[in-house]
Amino acid sequence: MTSLALQLKKLALPQSDPNLLTRKEVASLLFDPKDAATMDRSTFYALGCTGLEELLGIEPAFLEFQDTLFSPASLTLERSVQSKEVNEKLDAGISLFLTRLCPYFLLKPAHKCIEWLVHRFHVQLYNPDSLVACALPYHDTNLFVRVVQLLKLKEATNRWNWLQCLQKPGVPLSKGTLITHCCSDLSFMDFVCTLVTRSIQVNSFSGSSTRLHFSQLRVIFSFYASTIVPALDAVGKVSDSIIAKLLPYVQRGLKSPLSDYKAATYMIVCQLAVKVVMEAGLVDSLAVHISKSLLREPVLAKEALGSLVVLLQHQKEGSAGPR
């Protein structure tokens, strides 16, 4: 393909996808594409609204989407003819919804809501990053594969092109493949880390009880630790680039009041300490953060002390200063 052809390809809008112009097959998470083509818009809308109502019984914070993504007006909204401002606002709403939906991704009400977003807003074409982020912690499930099969991944420049091998056989993404890609692609490592911080940010503004609400994020914290720690272990050498990429997230995790997030961060600190000799200033900073967290989160005192011991044992003597 010539450079001009590549540039034109990048400029192509999602609505120019030929599949949007035919009713022989329609993208669907829940139905066969041919069966989905025989269903009208009101059927998908009713399905999505039912899913939202069921989610509201679990988490009242979803109420804000009743008047936007699931409003009667959404039935007639064609985003392909909307202004840039309208589409940006729509993208923000979809991103917020899918981020908040992530902890509930395996529940049937969530599937109904995603089905509406796929049918009405073509999120698989316009918002692939948000859709993948919602499903990624469940990469070893068949439902994740169904999401991947909705995406257009043939172009080598597509950031999710590496998932194309899953589409035809319909097999889940193995942990080994996930870790290998995390090692080799720093932008993906950043994507995993950002997925966590974004989830915390979005759920911080929920009307729910803080303890109850953040307990729903445990699956995300578990995914975070079980991806980053093995990736650090698997990489031949932990480069300065990797440390620079992870450090802001590590510092944020050590300061966080969320015990599960902090516990995941302790595991990452330990793996870093074992794999690479860090600069004295960085070791000192990490030791100080861990020591302070002992006072703020006594529930994790054992884990914090263990992390501190591992950090100091594997780094140069005196790196943490005289304290």
Protein backbone atom coordinates (compact mmCIF):
# COMPACT_ATOMS: atom_id res chain seq x y z
CA MET A 1 0.00 0.00 0.00
CA THR A 2 1.43 3.41 -0.99
CA SER A 3 2.02 6.18 1.54
CA LEU A 4 -0.85 8.16 0.00
CA ALA A 5 -3.18 5.18 0.38
CA LEU A 6 -2.14 4.83 4.01
CA GLN A 7 -2.88 8.50 4.66
CA LEU A 8 -6.31 8.18 3.05
CA LYS A 9 -6.95 5.08 5.13
CA LYS A 10 -6.22 7.02 8.31
CA LEU A 11 -8.62 9.74 7.23
CA ALA A 12 -11.44 7.26 6.61
CA LEU A 13 -14.29 7.72 9.07
CA PRO A 14 -15.90 4.78 10.91
CA GLN A 15 -19.22 5.47 9.23
CA SER A 16 -17.64 4.70 5.84
CA ASP A 17 -17.38 1.05 6.89
CA PRO A 18 -19.42 -0.88 4.28
CA ASN A 19 -20.98 -3.06 6.98
CA LEU A 20 -22.89 -0.02 8.21
CA LEU A 21 -24.53 0.38 4.82
CA THR A 22 -25.97 -3.11 4.56
CA ARG A 23 -28.59 -4.93 6.58
CA LYS A 24 -27.39 -8.40 5.60
CA GLU A 25 -25.21 -8.52 8.68
CA VAL A 26 -25.15 -6.28 11.74
CA ALA A 27 -22.42 -6.19 14.41
CA SER A 28 -23.68 -7.74 17.62
CA LEU A 29 -22.29 -8.94 20.93
CA LEU A 30 -25.25 -11.16 21.77
CA PHE A 31 -26.71 -12.30 18.45
CA ASP A 32 -25.58 -13.85 15.21
CA PRO A 33 -24.88 -10.96 12.76
CA LYS A 34 -27.50 -12.26 10.32
CA ASP A 35 -30.12 -12.57 13.05
CA ALA A 36 -29.25 -9.09 14.34
CA ALA A 37 -29.92 -7.72 10.85
CA THR A 38 -33.56 -8.79 11.11
CA MET A 39 -34.12 -6.89 14.38
CA ASP A 40 -35.28 -3.28 14.44
CA ARG A 41 -33.78 -0.41 16.40
CA SER A 42 -36.56 -0.32 18.99
CA THR A 43 -35.78 -3.93 19.93
CA PHE A 44 -32.15 -3.09 20.64
CA TYR A 45 -33.19 0.04 22.52
CA ALA A 46 -35.61 -1.90 24.72
CA LEU A 47 -32.86 -4.43 25.41
CA GLY A 48 -30.40 -1.69 26.38
CA CYS A 49 -32.91 0.07 28.64
CA THR A 50 -33.74 -3.21 30.36
CA GLY A 51 -30.04 -3.76 30.99
CA LEU A 52 -29.67 -0.26 32.42
CA GLU A 53 -32.65 -0.73 34.73
CA GLU A 54 -31.14 -3.97 36.01
CA LEU A 55 -27.79 -2.26 36.57
CA LEU A 56 -29.50 0.50 38.53
CA GLY A 57 -30.67 -2.16 40.96
CA ILE A 58 -26.99 -2.94 41.60
CA GLU A 59 -25.38 0.49 41.26
CA PRO A 60 -27.44 3.72 41.35
CA ALA A 61 -24.57 5.70 39.79
CA PHE A 62 -25.67 4.48 36.35
CA LEU A 63 -28.73 6.73 36.62
CA GLU A 64 -26.90 9.63 34.94
CA PHE A 65 -26.85 7.71 31.65
CA GLN A 66 -30.62 7.33 31.54
CA ASP A 67 -30.96 10.80 30.03
CA THR A 68 -28.00 10.53 27.64
CA LEU A 69 -26.89 7.23 26.11
CA PHE A 70 -30.20 5.52 26.90
CA SER A 71 -32.59 8.43 26.38
CA PRO A 72 -35.41 8.29 23.80
CA ALA A 73 -33.51 10.96 21.83
CA SER A 74 -30.66 8.48 21.27
CA LEU A 75 -32.99 6.49 19.01
CA THR A 76 -32.72 9.12 16.29
CA LEU A 77 -29.18 10.39 16.88
CA GLU A 78 -26.89 9.67 13.92
CA ARG A 79 -23.38 10.42 15.08
CA SER A 80 -21.95 10.35 11.55
CA VAL A 81 -23.70 13.64 10.75
CA GLN A 82 -23.09 15.32 14.11
CA SER A 83 -20.57 18.08 14.73
CA LYS A 84 -17.14 17.45 16.20
CA GLU A 85 -18.29 18.91 19.53
CA VAL A 86 -21.31 16.62 19.74
CA ASN A 87 -19.21 13.57 18.94
CA GLU A 88 -16.56 14.53 21.48
CA LYS A 89 -19.24 14.85 24.15
CA LEU A 90 -20.67 11.51 23.09
CA ASP A 91 -17.22 9.89 23.23
CA ALA A 92 -16.71 11.23 26.75
CA GLY A 93 -20.07 9.83 27.86
CA ILE A 94 -19.35 6.43 26.31
CA SER A 95 -15.89 6.31 27.89
CA LEU A 96 -17.35 7.17 31.29
CA PHE A 97 -20.08 4.56 30.99
CA LEU A 98 -17.76 1.75 29.86
CA THR A 99 -15.24 2.57 32.59
CA ARG A 100 -17.96 2.43 35.21
CA LEU A 101 -19.33 -0.76 33.65
CA CYS A 102 -16.01 -2.64 33.79
CA PRO A 103 -16.48 -4.20 37.27
CA TYR A 104 -19.87 -5.54 36.13
CA PHE A 105 -18.76 -6.72 32.68
CA LEU A 106 -19.61 -10.39 33.25
CA LEU A 107 -23.20 -9.65 34.30
CA LYS A 108 -26.01 -10.07 31.76
CA PRO A 109 -27.34 -6.51 32.24
CA ALA A 110 -23.93 -5.22 31.13
CA HIS A 111 -24.12 -7.29 27.94
CA LYS A 112 -27.51 -5.79 27.11
CA CYS A 113 -26.16 -2.27 27.55
CA ILE A 114 -23.10 -2.94 25.40
CA GLU A 115 -25.35 -4.41 22.71
CA TRP A 116 -27.21 -1.09 22.51
CA LEU A 117 -23.95 0.89 22.35
CA VAL A 118 -22.69 -1.34 19.54
CA HIS A 119 -25.93 -1.09 17.58
CA ARG A 120 -26.67 2.61 18.03
CA PHE A 121 -23.31 4.29 18.56
CA HIS A 122 -20.98 1.81 16.79
CA VAL A 123 -18.59 1.84 19.75
CA GLN A 124 -16.58 -0.98 18.17
CA LEU A 125 -15.61 1.47 15.40
CA TYR A 126 -15.59 4.84 17.17
CA ASN A 127 -14.52 3.85 20.69
CA PRO A 128 -12.46 0.64 20.45
CA ASP A 129 -10.04 1.64 23.23
CA SER A 130 -12.85 2.23 25.73
CA LEU A 131 -14.55 -1.02 24.73
CA VAL A 132 -11.35 -3.07 25.08
CA ALA A 133 -10.54 -1.42 28.42
CA CYS A 134 -13.95 -2.46 29.73
CA ALA A 135 -13.37 -6.09 28.74
CA LEU A 136 -9.61 -6.55 29.18
CA PRO A 137 -9.60 -7.65 32.86
CA TYR A 138 -11.69 -10.60 31.66
CA HIS A 139 -9.33 -11.52 28.81
CA ASP A 140 -9.55 -15.24 29.56
CA THR A 141 -13.32 -15.41 28.99
CA ASN A 142 -15.33 -16.16 25.87
CA LEU A 143 -17.11 -12.84 26.28
CA PHE A 144 -13.83 -10.98 25.81
CA VAL A 145 -13.35 -12.84 22.53
CA ARG A 146 -16.82 -11.77 21.43
CA VAL A 147 -15.79 -8.16 22.00
CA VAL A 148 -12.55 -8.65 20.04
CA GLN A 149 -14.52 -10.17 17.16
CA LEU A 150 -16.47 -6.92 16.85
CA LEU A 151 -13.32 -4.91 16.13
CA LYS A 152 -11.71 -4.09 12.78
CA LEU A 153 -8.10 -5.18 13.26
CA LYS A 154 -6.67 -5.92 9.82
CA GLU A 155 -4.55 -2.78 9.60
CA ALA A 156 -1.04 -3.33 10.97
CA THR A 157 -1.10 0.19 12.42
CA ASN A 158 -4.12 -0.60 14.60
CA ARG A 159 -2.99 -0.73 18.24
CA TRP A 160 -5.13 -3.86 18.75
CA ASN A 161 -3.87 -5.65 15.64
CA TRP A 162 -2.07 -8.16 17.87
CA LEU A 163 -5.48 -9.48 18.97
CA GLN A 164 -6.51 -10.34 15.41
CA CYS A 165 -5.27 -13.92 15.82
CA LEU A 166 -8.09 -14.49 18.33
CA GLN A 167 -10.92 -13.44 16.04
CA LYS A 168 -11.27 -16.42 13.71
CA PRO A 169 -10.67 -19.28 16.18
CA GLY A 170 -12.62 -17.45 18.89
CA VAL A 171 -10.23 -18.40 21.66
CA PRO A 172 -9.65 -16.32 24.82
CA LEU A 173 -6.48 -14.29 25.26
CA SER A 174 -3.96 -16.32 27.24
CA LYS A 175 -2.14 -14.76 30.17
CA GLY A 176 1.18 -15.60 28.50
CA THR A 177 0.31 -13.66 25.34
CA LEU A 178 -0.95 -10.74 27.41
CA ILE A 179 2.26 -10.61 29.46
CA THR A 180 4.49 -10.93 26.39
CA HIS A 181 2.76 -7.99 24.74
CA CYS A 182 2.98 -5.96 27.95
CA CYS A 183 6.75 -6.56 27.97
CA SER A 184 7.24 -5.53 24.36
CA ASP A 185 4.85 -2.58 24.09
CA LEU A 186 5.24 0.19 26.66
CA SER A 187 2.14 1.96 25.36
CA PHE A 188 0.12 -1.13 26.28
CA MET A 189 1.73 -1.26 29.73
CA ASP A 190 0.65 2.35 30.14
CA PHE A 191 -2.85 1.40 28.92
CA VAL A 192 -3.11 -1.23 31.68
CA CYS A 193 -1.93 1.22 34.34
CA THR A 194 -4.24 3.97 33.12
CA LEU A 195 -7.16 1.54 33.12
CA VAL A 196 -6.73 1.29 36.90
CA THR A 197 -6.34 4.99 37.65
CA ARG A 198 -9.24 5.87 35.36
CA SER A 199 -11.48 3.34 37.14
CA ILE A 200 -10.61 4.85 40.52
CA GLN A 201 -11.23 8.38 39.26
CA VAL A 202 -14.60 7.54 37.72
CA ASN A 203 -15.83 5.60 40.72
CA SER A 204 -14.68 8.26 43.18
CA PHE A 205 -17.64 10.36 42.13
CA SER A 206 -20.20 7.66 42.65
CA GLY A 207 -23.04 8.21 45.06
CA SER A 208 -22.48 4.77 46.56
CA SER A 209 -20.84 3.92 49.83
CA THR A 210 -17.10 4.29 49.22
CA ARG A 211 -16.12 0.97 50.79
CA LEU A 212 -18.84 -0.98 48.99
CA HIS A 213 -18.18 0.73 45.69
CA PHE A 214 -14.41 0.33 45.61
CA SER A 215 -14.73 -3.32 46.59
CA GLN A 216 -16.15 -3.80 43.09
CA LEU A 217 -12.77 -2.72 41.69
CA ARG A 218 -10.89 -5.68 43.16
CA VAL A 219 -11.05 -7.52 39.86
CA ILE A 220 -9.29 -4.55 38.22
CA PHE A 221 -6.59 -4.33 40.91
CA SER A 222 -6.04 -8.08 40.62
CA PHE A 223 -5.70 -7.80 36.84
CA TYR A 224 -3.24 -4.93 37.29
CA ALA A 225 -0.94 -6.86 39.63
CA SER A 226 -1.21 -10.16 37.75
CA THR A 227 -0.21 -8.44 34.51
CA ILE A 228 2.50 -5.96 35.51
CA VAL A 229 4.35 -8.19 38.00
CA PRO A 230 4.80 -11.16 35.60
CA ALA A 231 5.69 -8.74 32.80
CA LEU A 232 8.53 -7.31 34.90
CA ASP A 233 9.63 -10.83 35.73
CA ALA A 234 9.58 -11.92 32.08
CA VAL A 235 11.45 -8.97 30.60
CA GLY A 236 15.18 -9.57 30.15
CA LYS A 237 16.21 -6.21 31.56
CA VAL A 238 14.05 -3.62 33.24
CA SER A 239 15.02 -0.51 31.29
CA ASP A 240 14.95 3.08 32.44
CA SER A 241 12.00 3.56 30.09
CA ILE A 242 9.99 0.91 31.92
CA ILE A 243 10.84 2.42 35.30
CA ALA A 244 9.93 5.90 34.06
CA LYS A 245 6.62 4.56 32.72
CA LEU A 246 5.67 2.74 35.94
CA LEU A 247 6.99 5.18 38.54
CA PRO A 248 4.06 7.67 38.49
CA TYR A 249 1.59 4.81 38.93
CA VAL A 250 3.67 3.23 41.70
CA GLN A 251 3.84 6.51 43.59
CA ARG A 252 0.10 7.01 43.18
CA GLY A 253 -0.59 3.49 44.41
CA LEU A 254 1.58 3.89 47.51
CA LYS A 255 -0.27 7.09 48.43
CA SER A 256 -3.71 5.65 47.75
CA PRO A 257 -6.13 5.02 50.64
CA LEU A 258 -7.45 1.97 48.77
CA SER A 259 -5.90 -1.10 50.38
CA ASP A 260 -6.31 -3.38 47.35
CA TYR A 261 -4.64 -0.85 45.07
CA LYS A 262 -1.84 -0.36 47.57
CA ALA A 263 -1.34 -4.12 47.97
CA ALA A 264 -1.01 -4.49 44.19
CA THR A 265 1.53 -1.67 44.19
CA TYR A 266 3.59 -3.35 46.92
CA MET A 267 3.87 -6.41 44.67
CA ILE A 268 5.11 -4.27 41.79
CA VAL A 269 7.68 -2.52 44.02
CA CYS A 270 9.00 -5.91 45.17
CA GLN A 271 9.35 -7.15 41.60
CA LEU A 272 11.16 -3.97 40.57
CA ALA A 273 13.52 -4.31 43.54
CA VAL A 274 14.36 -7.91 42.63
CA LYS A 275 14.88 -7.20 38.92
CA VAL A 276 16.89 -3.99 38.82
CA VAL A 277 19.28 -1.93 40.95
CA MET A 278 17.66 1.48 41.15
CA GLU A 279 19.17 4.88 41.83
CA ALA A 280 19.61 5.70 45.51
CA GLY A 281 17.21 8.63 45.33
CA LEU A 282 14.45 6.45 43.91
CA VAL A 283 15.01 3.72 46.50
CA ASP A 284 14.90 6.31 49.27
CA SER A 285 11.68 7.79 47.88
CA LEU A 286 10.00 4.37 47.66
CA ALA A 287 11.14 3.46 51.18
CA VAL A 288 9.72 6.71 52.56
CA HIS A 289 6.38 6.19 50.78
CA ILE A 290 6.10 2.63 52.08
CA SER A 291 7.01 3.71 55.62
CA LYS A 292 4.37 6.44 55.58
CA SER A 293 1.78 4.01 54.28
CA LEU A 294 2.39 1.86 57.35
CA LEU A 295 0.88 4.63 59.43
CA ARG A 296 -1.97 5.38 57.04
CA GLU A 297 -2.99 1.77 56.36
CA PRO A 298 -2.15 -0.42 59.39
CA VAL A 299 -4.31 -3.19 57.92
CA LEU A 300 -1.51 -3.82 55.41
CA ALA A 301 1.33 -3.51 57.92
CA LYS A 302 2.63 -7.02 57.21
CA GLU A 303 2.62 -6.44 53.45
CA ALA A 304 4.26 -3.02 53.80
CA LEU A 305 7.04 -4.34 56.04
CA GLY A 306 7.61 -7.24 53.67
CA SER A 307 7.92 -4.86 50.72
CA LEU A 308 10.32 -2.65 52.64
CA VAL A 309 12.52 -5.63 53.52
CA VAL A 310 12.61 -6.87 49.91
CA LEU A 311 13.38 -3.37 48.64
CA LEU A 312 16.28 -2.79 51.03
CA GLN A 313 17.72 -6.29 50.72
CA HIS A 314 18.01 -6.12 46.94
CA GLN A 315 19.30 -2.57 46.59
CA LYS A 316 22.67 -1.04 47.38
CA GLU A 317 23.39 -0.63 51.06
CA GLY A 318 22.64 2.89 52.26
CA SER A 319 20.34 3.69 49.32
CA ALA A 320 17.46 4.49 51.64
CA GLY A 321 19.42 6.99 53.70
CA PRO A 322 20.03 7.04 57.47
CA ARG A 323 16.36 6.95 58.53
